[in-house]
Amino acid sequence: ANGTDCRNYGGLDGIPEVKKIFADLLDLSADEVIVGGNSSL
């Protein structure tokens, strides 16, 4: 959504759309969320 080319480098803590999904599910703000890979462990 912010124009980031998802094929390329960058976006260390997650793209905006996904950060918002997690933030809404957890009742937090997007800047309180860091998105990781497939394993929370």
Full PDB file with SEQRES, HELIX, SHEET, SSBOND, CRYST1, ORIGX, SCALE, CONECT and MASTER records, all heavy atoms in Angstrom:
SEQRES   1 A   41  ALA ASN GLY THR ASP CYS ARG ASN TYR GLY GLY LEU ASP          
SEQRES   2 A   41  GLY ILE PRO GLU VAL LYS LYS ILE PHE ALA ASP LEU LEU          
SEQRES   3 A   41  ASP LEU SER ALA ASP GLU VAL ILE VAL GLY GLY ASN SER          
SEQRES   4 A   41  SER LEU                                                      
HELIX    1 AA1 PRO A   16  LEU A   26  1                                  11    
HELIX    2 AA2 ALA A   30  GLU A   32  5                                   3    
CRYST1    1.000    1.000    1.000  90.00  90.00  90.00 P 1           1          
ORIGX1      1.000000  0.000000  0.000000        0.00000                         
ORIGX2      0.000000  1.000000  0.000000        0.00000                         
ORIGX3      0.000000  0.000000  1.000000        0.00000                         
SCALE1      1.000000  0.000000  0.000000        0.00000                         
SCALE2      0.000000  1.000000  0.000000        0.00000                         
SCALE3      0.000000  0.000000  1.000000        0.00000                         
ATOM      1  N   ALA A   1       0.811  -1.219   0.000  1.00  0.00           N  
ATOM      2  CA  ALA A   1       0.000   0.000   0.000  1.00  0.00           C  
ATOM      3  C   ALA A   1       0.842   1.267   0.000  1.00  0.00           C  
ATOM      4  O   ALA A   1       0.421   2.301  -0.522  1.00  0.00           O  
ATOM      5  CB  ALA A   1      -0.922  -0.007   1.212  1.00  0.00           C  
ATOM      6  N   ASN A   2       2.043   1.192   0.574  1.00  0.00           N  
ATOM      7  CA  ASN A   2       2.902   2.375   0.620  1.00  0.00           C  
ATOM      8  C   ASN A   2       3.851   2.455  -0.577  1.00  0.00           C  
ATOM      9  O   ASN A   2       4.785   3.261  -0.594  1.00  0.00           O  
ATOM     10  CB  ASN A   2       3.704   2.406   1.915  1.00  0.00           C  
ATOM     11  CG  ASN A   2       4.647   1.210   2.041  1.00  0.00           C  
ATOM     12  OD1 ASN A   2       4.610   0.280   1.224  1.00  0.00           O  
ATOM     13  ND2 ASN A   2       5.471   1.227   3.075  1.00  0.00           N  
ATOM     14  N   GLY A   3       3.612   1.613  -1.582  1.00  0.00           N  
ATOM     15  CA  GLY A   3       4.428   1.633  -2.788  1.00  0.00           C  
ATOM     16  C   GLY A   3       5.649   0.744  -2.750  1.00  0.00           C  
ATOM     17  O   GLY A   3       6.385   0.654  -3.752  1.00  0.00           O  
ATOM     18  N   THR A   4       5.892   0.079  -1.634  1.00  0.00           N  
ATOM     19  CA  THR A   4       7.049  -0.802  -1.532  1.00  0.00           C  
ATOM     20  C   THR A   4       6.965  -1.923  -2.569  1.00  0.00           C  
ATOM     21  O   THR A   4       5.936  -2.590  -2.689  1.00  0.00           O  
ATOM     22  CB  THR A   4       7.135  -1.425  -0.118  1.00  0.00           C  
ATOM     23  OG1 THR A   4       7.361  -0.392   0.831  1.00  0.00           O  
ATOM     24  CG2 THR A   4       8.260  -2.444  -0.033  1.00  0.00           C  
ATOM     25  N   ASP A   5       8.043  -2.134  -3.308  1.00  0.00           N  
ATOM     26  CA  ASP A   5       8.133  -3.253  -4.244  1.00  0.00           C  
ATOM     27  C   ASP A   5       8.473  -4.502  -3.435  1.00  0.00           C  
ATOM     28  O   ASP A   5       9.606  -4.658  -2.963  1.00  0.00           O  
ATOM     29  CB  ASP A   5       9.222  -2.966  -5.280  1.00  0.00           C  
ATOM     30  CG  ASP A   5       9.277  -4.031  -6.370  1.00  0.00           C  
ATOM     31  OD1 ASP A   5       8.835  -5.170  -6.118  1.00  0.00           O  
ATOM     32  OD2 ASP A   5       9.794  -3.732  -7.476  1.00  0.00           O  
ATOM     33  N   CYS A   6       7.494  -5.368  -3.268  1.00  0.00           N  
ATOM     34  CA  CYS A   6       7.674  -6.528  -2.393  1.00  0.00           C  
ATOM     35  C   CYS A   6       8.626  -7.563  -2.962  1.00  0.00           C  
ATOM     36  O   CYS A   6       8.989  -8.527  -2.280  1.00  0.00           O  
ATOM     37  CB  CYS A   6       6.320  -7.165  -2.090  1.00  0.00           C  
ATOM     38  SG  CYS A   6       5.251  -6.115  -1.089  1.00  0.00           S  
ATOM     39  N   ARG A   7       9.054  -7.369  -4.200  1.00  0.00           N  
ATOM     40  CA  ARG A   7      10.033  -8.279  -4.790  1.00  0.00           C  
ATOM     41  C   ARG A   7      11.449  -7.924  -4.375  1.00  0.00           C  
ATOM     42  O   ARG A   7      12.378  -8.713  -4.582  1.00  0.00           O  
ATOM     43  CB  ARG A   7       9.945  -8.238  -6.316  1.00  0.00           C  
ATOM     44  CG  ARG A   7       8.572  -8.535  -6.904  1.00  0.00           C  
ATOM     45  CD  ARG A   7       8.544  -8.220  -8.393  1.00  0.00           C  
ATOM     46  NE  ARG A   7       8.909  -6.813  -8.648  1.00  0.00           N  
ATOM     47  CZ  ARG A   7       9.096  -6.300  -9.859  1.00  0.00           C  
ATOM     48  NH1 ARG A   7       8.960  -7.068 -10.932  1.00  0.00           N  
ATOM     49  NH2 ARG A   7       9.414  -5.027 -10.008  1.00  0.00           N  
ATOM     50  N   ASN A   8      11.607  -6.760  -3.764  1.00  0.00           N  
ATOM     51  CA  ASN A   8      12.945  -6.220  -3.538  1.00  0.00           C  
ATOM     52  C   ASN A   8      13.287  -6.188  -2.055  1.00  0.00           C  
ATOM     53  O   ASN A   8      12.513  -6.637  -1.204  1.00  0.00           O  
ATOM     54  CB  ASN A   8      13.036  -4.814  -4.146  1.00  0.00           C  
ATOM     55  CG  ASN A   8      14.396  -4.531  -4.749  1.00  0.00           C  
ATOM     56  OD1 ASN A   8      15.407  -5.028  -4.276  1.00  0.00           O  
ATOM     57  ND2 ASN A   8      14.408  -3.728  -5.809  1.00  0.00           N  
ATOM     58  N   TYR A   9      14.457  -5.641  -1.749  1.00  0.00           N  
ATOM     59  CA  TYR A   9      14.893  -5.509  -0.368  1.00  0.00           C  
ATOM     60  C   TYR A   9      14.034  -4.486   0.376  1.00  0.00           C  
ATOM     61  O   TYR A   9      13.234  -3.761  -0.207  1.00  0.00           O  
ATOM     62  CB  TYR A   9      16.349  -5.023  -0.317  1.00  0.00           C  
ATOM     63  CG  TYR A   9      17.374  -5.992  -0.850  1.00  0.00           C  
ATOM     64  CD1 TYR A   9      18.340  -5.563  -1.763  1.00  0.00           C  
ATOM     65  CD2 TYR A   9      17.395  -7.318  -0.438  1.00  0.00           C  
ATOM     66  CE1 TYR A   9      19.303  -6.437  -2.247  1.00  0.00           C  
ATOM     67  CE2 TYR A   9      18.352  -8.202  -0.912  1.00  0.00           C  
ATOM     68  CZ  TYR A   9      19.307  -7.760  -1.820  1.00  0.00           C  
ATOM     69  OH  TYR A   9      20.253  -8.620  -2.289  1.00  0.00           O  
ATOM     70  N   GLY A  10      14.269  -4.426   1.713  1.00  0.00           N  
ATOM     71  CA  GLY A  10      13.645  -3.382   2.517  1.00  0.00           C  
ATOM     72  C   GLY A  10      12.435  -3.857   3.295  1.00  0.00           C  
ATOM     73  O   GLY A  10      12.069  -5.033   3.283  1.00  0.00           O  
ATOM     74  N   GLY A  11      11.800  -2.900   3.976  1.00  0.00           N  
ATOM     75  CA  GLY A  11      10.606  -3.208   4.759  1.00  0.00           C  
ATOM     76  C   GLY A  11      10.886  -4.141   5.906  1.00  0.00           C  
ATOM     77  O   GLY A  11      10.248  -5.186   6.041  1.00  0.00           O  
ATOM     78  N   LEU A  12      11.838  -3.782   6.757  1.00  0.00           N  
ATOM     79  CA  LEU A  12      12.338  -4.706   7.782  1.00  0.00           C  
ATOM     80  C   LEU A  12      11.261  -5.227   8.730  1.00  0.00           C  
ATOM     81  O   LEU A  12      11.318  -6.377   9.156  1.00  0.00           O  
ATOM     82  CB  LEU A  12      13.437  -4.020   8.606  1.00  0.00           C  
ATOM     83  CG  LEU A  12      14.731  -3.662   7.875  1.00  0.00           C  
ATOM     84  CD1 LEU A  12      15.734  -3.079   8.861  1.00  0.00           C  
ATOM     85  CD2 LEU A  12      15.308  -4.879   7.183  1.00  0.00           C  
ATOM     86  N   ASP A  13      10.292  -4.373   9.078  1.00  0.00           N  
ATOM     87  CA  ASP A  13       9.355  -4.784  10.130  1.00  0.00           C  
ATOM     88  C   ASP A  13       7.956  -5.092   9.609  1.00  0.00           C  
ATOM     89  O   ASP A  13       7.019  -5.221  10.389  1.00  0.00           O  
ATOM     90  CB  ASP A  13       9.275  -3.727  11.226  1.00  0.00           C  
ATOM     91  CG  ASP A  13       8.691  -2.413  10.753  1.00  0.00           C  
ATOM     92  OD1 ASP A  13       8.582  -2.205   9.525  1.00  0.00           O  
ATOM     93  OD2 ASP A  13       8.328  -1.590  11.611  1.00  0.00           O  
ATOM     94  N   GLY A  14       7.803  -5.255   8.286  1.00  0.00           N  
ATOM     95  CA  GLY A  14       6.515  -5.660   7.742  1.00  0.00           C  
ATOM     96  C   GLY A  14       5.876  -4.612   6.861  1.00  0.00           C  
ATOM     97  O   GLY A  14       6.064  -3.407   7.074  1.00  0.00           O  
ATOM     98  N   ILE A  15       5.097  -5.061   5.883  1.00  0.00           N  
ATOM     99  CA  ILE A  15       4.384  -4.118   5.019  1.00  0.00           C  
ATOM    100  C   ILE A  15       3.169  -3.561   5.767  1.00  0.00           C  
ATOM    101  O   ILE A  15       2.640  -4.211   6.684  1.00  0.00           O  
ATOM    102  CB  ILE A  15       3.968  -4.773   3.683  1.00  0.00           C  
ATOM    103  CG1 ILE A  15       2.973  -5.909   3.914  1.00  0.00           C  
ATOM    104  CG2 ILE A  15       5.199  -5.276   2.927  1.00  0.00           C  
ATOM    105  CD1 ILE A  15       2.413  -6.491   2.617  1.00  0.00           C  
ATOM    106  N   PRO A  16       2.708  -2.370   5.416  1.00  0.00           N  
ATOM    107  CA  PRO A  16       1.642  -1.718   6.204  1.00  0.00           C  
ATOM    108  C   PRO A  16       0.372  -2.544   6.340  1.00  0.00           C  
ATOM    109  O   PRO A  16      -0.250  -2.565   7.416  1.00  0.00           O  
ATOM    110  CB  PRO A  16       1.379  -0.425   5.412  1.00  0.00           C  
ATOM    111  CG  PRO A  16       2.631  -0.170   4.646  1.00  0.00           C  
ATOM    112  CD  PRO A  16       3.201  -1.510   4.315  1.00  0.00           C  
ATOM    113  N   GLU A  17      -0.046  -3.213   5.257  1.00  0.00           N  
ATOM    114  CA  GLU A  17      -1.300  -3.965   5.308  1.00  0.00           C  
ATOM    115  C   GLU A  17      -1.280  -5.047   6.384  1.00  0.00           C  
ATOM    116  O   GLU A  17      -2.250  -5.233   7.124  1.00  0.00           O  
ATOM    117  CB  GLU A  17      -1.597  -4.624   3.952  1.00  0.00           C  
ATOM    118  CG  GLU A  17      -1.762  -3.669   2.788  1.00  0.00           C  
ATOM    119  CD  GLU A  17      -0.480  -3.472   2.009  1.00  0.00           C  
ATOM    120  OE1 GLU A  17       0.586  -3.301   2.644  1.00  0.00           O  
ATOM    121  OE2 GLU A  17      -0.544  -3.501   0.767  1.00  0.00           O  
ATOM    122  N   VAL A  18      -0.169  -5.758   6.470  1.00  0.00           N  
ATOM    123  CA  VAL A  18      -0.069  -6.865   7.419  1.00  0.00           C  
ATOM    124  C   VAL A  18       0.116  -6.336   8.843  1.00  0.00           C  
ATOM    125  O   VAL A  18      -0.435  -6.889   9.799  1.00  0.00           O  
ATOM    126  CB  VAL A  18       1.075  -7.817   7.012  1.00  0.00           C  
ATOM    127  CG1 VAL A  18       1.378  -8.807   8.128  1.00  0.00           C  
ATOM    128  CG2 VAL A  18       0.695  -8.575   5.746  1.00  0.00           C  
ATOM    129  N   LYS A  19       0.902  -5.287   8.983  1.00  0.00           N  
ATOM    130  CA  LYS A  19       1.055  -4.688  10.313  1.00  0.00           C  
ATOM    131  C   LYS A  19      -0.303  -4.251  10.860  1.00  0.00           C  
ATOM    132  O   LYS A  19      -0.595  -4.426  12.046  1.00  0.00           O  
ATOM    133  CB  LYS A  19       2.015  -3.497  10.245  1.00  0.00           C  
ATOM    134  CG  LYS A  19       3.471  -3.885  10.070  1.00  0.00           C  
ATOM    135  CD  LYS A  19       4.358  -2.685   9.750  1.00  0.00           C  
ATOM    136  CE  LYS A  19       4.437  -1.719  10.896  1.00  0.00           C  
ATOM    137  NZ  LYS A  19       5.249  -2.258  12.008  1.00  0.00           N  
ATOM    138  N   LYS A  20      -1.143  -3.698   9.983  1.00  0.00           N  
ATOM    139  CA  LYS A  20      -2.473  -3.262  10.427  1.00  0.00           C  
ATOM    140  C   LYS A  20      -3.346  -4.453  10.814  1.00  0.00           C  
ATOM    141  O   LYS A  20      -4.099  -4.382  11.802  1.00  0.00           O  
ATOM    142  CB  LYS A  20      -3.148  -2.432   9.335  1.00  0.00           C  
ATOM    143  CG  LYS A  20      -4.569  -1.991   9.727  1.00  0.00           C  
ATOM    144  CD  LYS A  20      -5.147  -0.994   8.763  1.00  0.00           C  
ATOM    145  CE  LYS A  20      -6.624  -0.710   9.058  1.00  0.00           C  
ATOM    146  NZ  LYS A  20      -6.897  -0.409  10.470  1.00  0.00           N  
ATOM    147  N   ILE A  21      -3.272  -5.542  10.045  1.00  0.00           N  
ATOM    148  CA  ILE A  21      -4.073  -6.723  10.385  1.00  0.00           C  
ATOM    149  C   ILE A  21      -3.701  -7.223  11.778  1.00  0.00           C  
ATOM    150  O   ILE A  21      -4.575  -7.451  12.627  1.00  0.00           O  
ATOM    151  CB  ILE A  21      -3.874  -7.831   9.331  1.00  0.00           C  
ATOM    152  CG1 ILE A  21      -4.567  -7.454   8.019  1.00  0.00           C  
ATOM    153  CG2 ILE A  21      -4.435  -9.167   9.850  1.00  0.00           C  
ATOM    154  CD1 ILE A  21      -4.313  -8.429   6.882  1.00  0.00           C  
ATOM    155  N   PHE A  22      -2.412  -7.378  12.032  1.00  0.00           N  
ATOM    156  CA  PHE A  22      -1.989  -7.839  13.357  1.00  0.00           C  
ATOM    157  C   PHE A  22      -2.366  -6.820  14.433  1.00  0.00           C  
ATOM    158  O   PHE A  22      -2.844  -7.196  15.517  1.00  0.00           O  
ATOM    159  CB  PHE A  22      -0.479  -8.093  13.379  1.00  0.00           C  
ATOM    160  CG  PHE A  22      -0.071  -9.463  12.938  1.00  0.00           C  
ATOM    161  CD1 PHE A  22       0.787  -9.634  11.862  1.00  0.00           C  
ATOM    162  CD2 PHE A  22      -0.518 -10.594  13.604  1.00  0.00           C  
ATOM    163  CE1 PHE A  22       1.179 -10.905  11.454  1.00  0.00           C  
ATOM    164  CE2 PHE A  22      -0.128 -11.873  13.210  1.00  0.00           C  
ATOM    165  CZ  PHE A  22       0.724 -12.032  12.134  1.00  0.00           C  
ATOM    166  N   ALA A  23      -2.142  -5.542  14.150  1.00  0.00           N  
ATOM    167  CA  ALA A  23      -2.449  -4.516  15.141  1.00  0.00           C  
ATOM    168  C   ALA A  23      -3.932  -4.526  15.500  1.00  0.00           C  
ATOM    169  O   ALA A  23      -4.296  -4.416  16.680  1.00  0.00           O  
ATOM    170  CB  ALA A  23      -2.041  -3.141  14.608  1.00  0.00           C  
ATOM    171  N   ASP A  24      -4.800  -4.659  14.508  1.00  0.00           N  
ATOM    172  CA  ASP A  24      -6.242  -4.685  14.777  1.00  0.00           C  
ATOM    173  C   ASP A  24      -6.636  -5.930  15.560  1.00  0.00           C  
ATOM    174  O   ASP A  24      -7.482  -5.864  16.462  1.00  0.00           O  
ATOM    175  CB  ASP A  24      -7.021  -4.624  13.467  1.00  0.00           C  
ATOM    176  CG  ASP A  24      -6.938  -3.261  12.796  1.00  0.00           C  
ATOM    177  OD1 ASP A  24      -6.482  -2.303  13.445  1.00  0.00           O  
ATOM    178  OD2 ASP A  24      -7.321  -3.153  11.610  1.00  0.00           O  
ATOM    179  N   LEU A  25      -6.038  -7.077  15.219  1.00  0.00           N  
ATOM    180  CA  LEU A  25      -6.356  -8.306  15.943  1.00  0.00           C  
ATOM    181  C   LEU A  25      -5.933  -8.232  17.402  1.00  0.00           C  
ATOM    182  O   LEU A  25      -6.594  -8.778  18.292  1.00  0.00           O  
ATOM    183  CB  LEU A  25      -5.673  -9.501  15.270  1.00  0.00           C  
ATOM    184  CG  LEU A  25      -6.247  -9.950  13.929  1.00  0.00           C  
ATOM    185  CD1 LEU A  25      -5.309 -10.948  13.259  1.00  0.00           C  
ATOM    186  CD2 LEU A  25      -7.637 -10.564  14.108  1.00  0.00           C  
ATOM    187  N   LEU A  26      -4.822  -7.541  17.667  1.00  0.00           N  
ATOM    188  CA  LEU A  26      -4.268  -7.460  19.017  1.00  0.00           C  
ATOM    189  C   LEU A  26      -4.676  -6.177  19.739  1.00  0.00           C  
ATOM    190  O   LEU A  26      -4.266  -5.957  20.887  1.00  0.00           O  
ATOM    191  CB  LEU A  26      -2.742  -7.549  18.957  1.00  0.00           C  
ATOM    192  CG  LEU A  26      -2.176  -8.847  18.376  1.00  0.00           C  
ATOM    193  CD1 LEU A  26      -0.664  -8.738  18.216  1.00  0.00           C  
ATOM    194  CD2 LEU A  26      -2.538 -10.043  19.252  1.00  0.00           C  
ATOM    195  N   ASP A  27      -5.482  -5.330  19.071  1.00  0.00           N  
ATOM    196  CA  ASP A  27      -5.931  -4.056  19.640  1.00  0.00           C  
ATOM    197  C   ASP A  27      -4.742  -3.175  20.000  1.00  0.00           C  
ATOM    198  O   ASP A  27      -4.639  -2.647  21.114  1.00  0.00           O  
ATOM    199  CB  ASP A  27      -6.818  -4.294  20.867  1.00  0.00           C  
ATOM    200  CG  ASP A  27      -7.587  -3.047  21.274  1.00  0.00           C  
ATOM    201  OD1 ASP A  27      -7.762  -2.148  20.426  1.00  0.00           O  
ATOM    202  OD2 ASP A  27      -7.992  -2.958  22.446  1.00  0.00           O  
ATOM    203  N   LEU A  28      -3.832  -3.018  19.034  1.00  0.00           N  
ATOM    204  CA  LEU A  28      -2.634  -2.213  19.211  1.00  0.00           C  
ATOM    205  C   LEU A  28      -2.504  -1.251  18.035  1.00  0.00           C  
ATOM    206  O   LEU A  28      -3.314  -1.271  17.107  1.00  0.00           O  
ATOM    207  CB  LEU A  28      -1.394  -3.115  19.289  1.00  0.00           C  
ATOM    208  CG  LEU A  28      -1.330  -4.113  20.450  1.00  0.00           C  
ATOM    209  CD1 LEU A  28      -0.168  -5.075  20.262  1.00  0.00           C  
ATOM    210  CD2 LEU A  28      -1.212  -3.372  21.784  1.00  0.00           C  
ATOM    211  N   SER A  29      -1.474  -0.424  18.054  1.00  0.00           N  
ATOM    212  CA  SER A  29      -1.163   0.422  16.912  1.00  0.00           C  
ATOM    213  C   SER A  29      -0.099  -0.265  16.066  1.00  0.00           C  
ATOM    214  O   SER A  29       0.655  -1.115  16.556  1.00  0.00           O  
ATOM    215  CB  SER A  29      -0.654   1.792  17.377  1.00  0.00           C  
ATOM    216  OG  SER A  29       0.545   1.645  18.121  1.00  0.00           O  
ATOM    217  N   ALA A  30      -0.017   0.101  14.811  1.00  0.00           N  
ATOM    218  CA  ALA A  30       0.894  -0.561  13.884  1.00  0.00           C  
ATOM    219  C   ALA A  30       2.352  -0.393  14.291  1.00  0.00           C  
ATOM    220  O   ALA A  30       3.185  -1.276  14.027  1.00  0.00           O  
ATOM    221  CB  ALA A  30       0.682  -0.031  12.466  1.00  0.00           C  
ATOM    222  N   ASP A  31       2.696   0.727  14.940  1.00  0.00           N  
ATOM    223  CA  ASP A  31       4.089   0.920  15.338  1.00  0.00           C  
ATOM    224  C   ASP A  31       4.452   0.159  16.603  1.00  0.00           C  
ATOM    225  O   ASP A  31       5.578   0.266  17.094  1.00  0.00           O  
ATOM    226  CB  ASP A  31       4.427   2.408  15.483  1.00  0.00           C  
ATOM    227  CG  ASP A  31       3.461   3.154  16.380  1.00  0.00           C  
ATOM    228  OD1 ASP A  31       2.524   2.538  16.911  1.00  0.00           O  
ATOM    229  OD2 ASP A  31       3.649   4.377  16.544  1.00  0.00           O  
ATOM    230  N   GLU A  32       3.505  -0.619  17.114  1.00  0.00           N  
ATOM    231  CA  GLU A  32       3.799  -1.531  18.227  1.00  0.00           C  
ATOM    232  C   GLU A  32       3.941  -2.975  17.741  1.00  0.00           C  
ATOM    233  O   GLU A  32       4.010  -3.902  18.546  1.00  0.00           O  
ATOM    234  CB  GLU A  32       2.678  -1.462  19.276  1.00  0.00           C  
ATOM    235  CG  GLU A  32       2.586  -0.122  19.978  1.00  0.00           C  
ATOM    236  CD  GLU A  32       1.353   0.012  20.843  1.00  0.00           C  
ATOM    237  OE1 GLU A  32       0.231  -0.208  20.329  1.00  0.00           O  
ATOM    238  OE2 GLU A  32       1.499   0.332  22.033  1.00  0.00           O  
ATOM    239  N   VAL A  33       4.011  -3.160  16.430  1.00  0.00           N  
ATOM    240  CA  VAL A  33       4.027  -4.491  15.825  1.00  0.00           C  
ATOM    241  C   VAL A  33       5.224  -4.626  14.891  1.00  0.00           C  
ATOM    242  O   VAL A  33       5.496  -3.737  14.086  1.00  0.00           O  
ATOM    243  CB  VAL A  33       2.719  -4.750  15.036  1.00  0.00           C  
ATOM    244  CG1 VAL A  33       2.832  -6.022  14.209  1.00  0.00           C  
ATOM    245  CG2 VAL A  33       1.530  -4.824  15.984  1.00  0.00           C  
ATOM    246  N   ILE A  34       5.911  -5.756  15.001  1.00  0.00           N  
ATOM    247  CA  ILE A  34       6.980  -6.115  14.070  1.00  0.00           C  
ATOM    248  C   ILE A  34       6.636  -7.475  13.475  1.00  0.00           C  
ATOM    249  O   ILE A  34       6.435  -8.447  14.209  1.00  0.00           O  
ATOM    250  CB  ILE A  34       8.346  -6.175  14.777  1.00  0.00           C  
ATOM    251  CG1 ILE A  34       8.756  -4.762  15.212  1.00  0.00           C  
ATOM    252  CG2 ILE A  34       9.413  -6.784  13.872  1.00  0.00           C  
ATOM    253  CD1 ILE A  34      10.011  -4.710  16.045  1.00  0.00           C  
ATOM    254  N   VAL A  35       6.539  -7.537  12.142  1.00  0.00           N  
ATOM    255  CA  VAL A  35       6.127  -8.769  11.474  1.00  0.00           C  
ATOM    256  C   VAL A  35       7.340  -9.648  11.210  1.00  0.00           C  
ATOM    257  O   VAL A  35       8.401  -9.161  10.787  1.00  0.00           O  
ATOM    258  CB  VAL A  35       5.401  -8.450  10.152  1.00  0.00           C  
ATOM    259  CG1 VAL A  35       4.962  -9.739   9.459  1.00  0.00           C  
ATOM    260  CG2 VAL A  35       4.193  -7.552  10.418  1.00  0.00           C  
ATOM    261  N   GLY A  36       7.183 -10.943  11.465  1.00  0.00           N  
ATOM    262  CA  GLY A  36       8.259 -11.891  11.243  1.00  0.00           C  
ATOM    263  C   GLY A  36       7.914 -12.907  10.171  1.00  0.00           C  
ATOM    264  O   GLY A  36       6.942 -12.758   9.441  1.00  0.00           O  
ATOM    265  N   GLY A  37       8.722 -13.954  10.096  1.00  0.00           N  
ATOM    266  CA  GLY A  37       8.521 -15.009   9.104  1.00  0.00           C  
ATOM    267  C   GLY A  37       7.453 -15.985   9.536  1.00  0.00           C  
ATOM    268  O   GLY A  37       6.476 -15.619  10.189  1.00  0.00           O  
ATOM    269  N   ASN A  38       7.642 -17.262   9.216  1.00  0.00           N  
ATOM    270  CA  ASN A  38       6.558 -18.220   9.439  1.00  0.00           C  
ATOM    271  C   ASN A  38       6.556 -18.822  10.838  1.00  0.00           C  
ATOM    272  O   ASN A  38       5.673 -19.599  11.168  1.00  0.00           O  
ATOM    273  CB  ASN A  38       6.648 -19.358   8.410  1.00  0.00           C  
ATOM    274  CG  ASN A  38       7.761 -20.335   8.730  1.00  0.00           C  
ATOM    275  OD1 ASN A  38       8.918 -19.938   8.807  1.00  0.00           O  
ATOM    276  ND2 ASN A  38       7.421 -21.596   8.914  1.00  0.00           N  
ATOM    277  N   SER A  39       7.527 -18.472  11.700  1.00  0.00           N  
ATOM    278  CA  SER A  39       7.623 -19.118  13.001  1.00  0.00           C  
ATOM    279  C   SER A  39       7.755 -18.094  14.122  1.00  0.00           C  
ATOM    280  O   SER A  39       8.771 -17.402  14.222  1.00  0.00           O  
ATOM    281  CB  SER A  39       8.836 -20.063  13.031  1.00  0.00           C  
ATOM    282  OG  SER A  39       9.060 -20.543  14.345  1.00  0.00           O  
ATOM    283  N   SER A  40       6.740 -18.018  14.986  1.00  0.00           N  
ATOM    284  CA  SER A  40       6.854 -17.149  16.157  1.00  0.00           C  
ATOM    285  C   SER A  40       7.898 -17.700  17.122  1.00  0.00           C  
ATOM    286  O   SER A  40       8.505 -16.935  17.884  1.00  0.00           O  
ATOM    287  CB  SER A  40       5.496 -16.998  16.854  1.00  0.00           C  
ATOM    288  OG  SER A  40       4.979 -18.256  17.236  1.00  0.00           O  
ATOM    289  N   LEU A  41       8.100 -19.002  17.096  1.00  0.00           N  
ATOM    290  CA  LEU A  41       9.132 -19.594  17.944  1.00  0.00           C  
ATOM    291  C   LEU A  41      10.502 -19.027  17.596  1.00  0.00           C  
ATOM    292  O   LEU A  41      11.345 -18.803  18.477  1.00  0.00           O  
ATOM    293  CB  LEU A  41       9.125 -21.117  17.790  1.00  0.00           C  
ATOM    294  CG  LEU A  41       9.914 -21.902  18.837  1.00  0.00           C  
ATOM    295  CD1 LEU A  41       9.229 -21.831  20.187  1.00  0.00           C  
ATOM    296  CD2 LEU A  41      10.070 -23.353  18.416  1.00  0.00           C  
TER     297      LEU A  41                                                      
MASTER        0    0    0    2    0    0    0    6  296    1    0    4          
END                                                                             
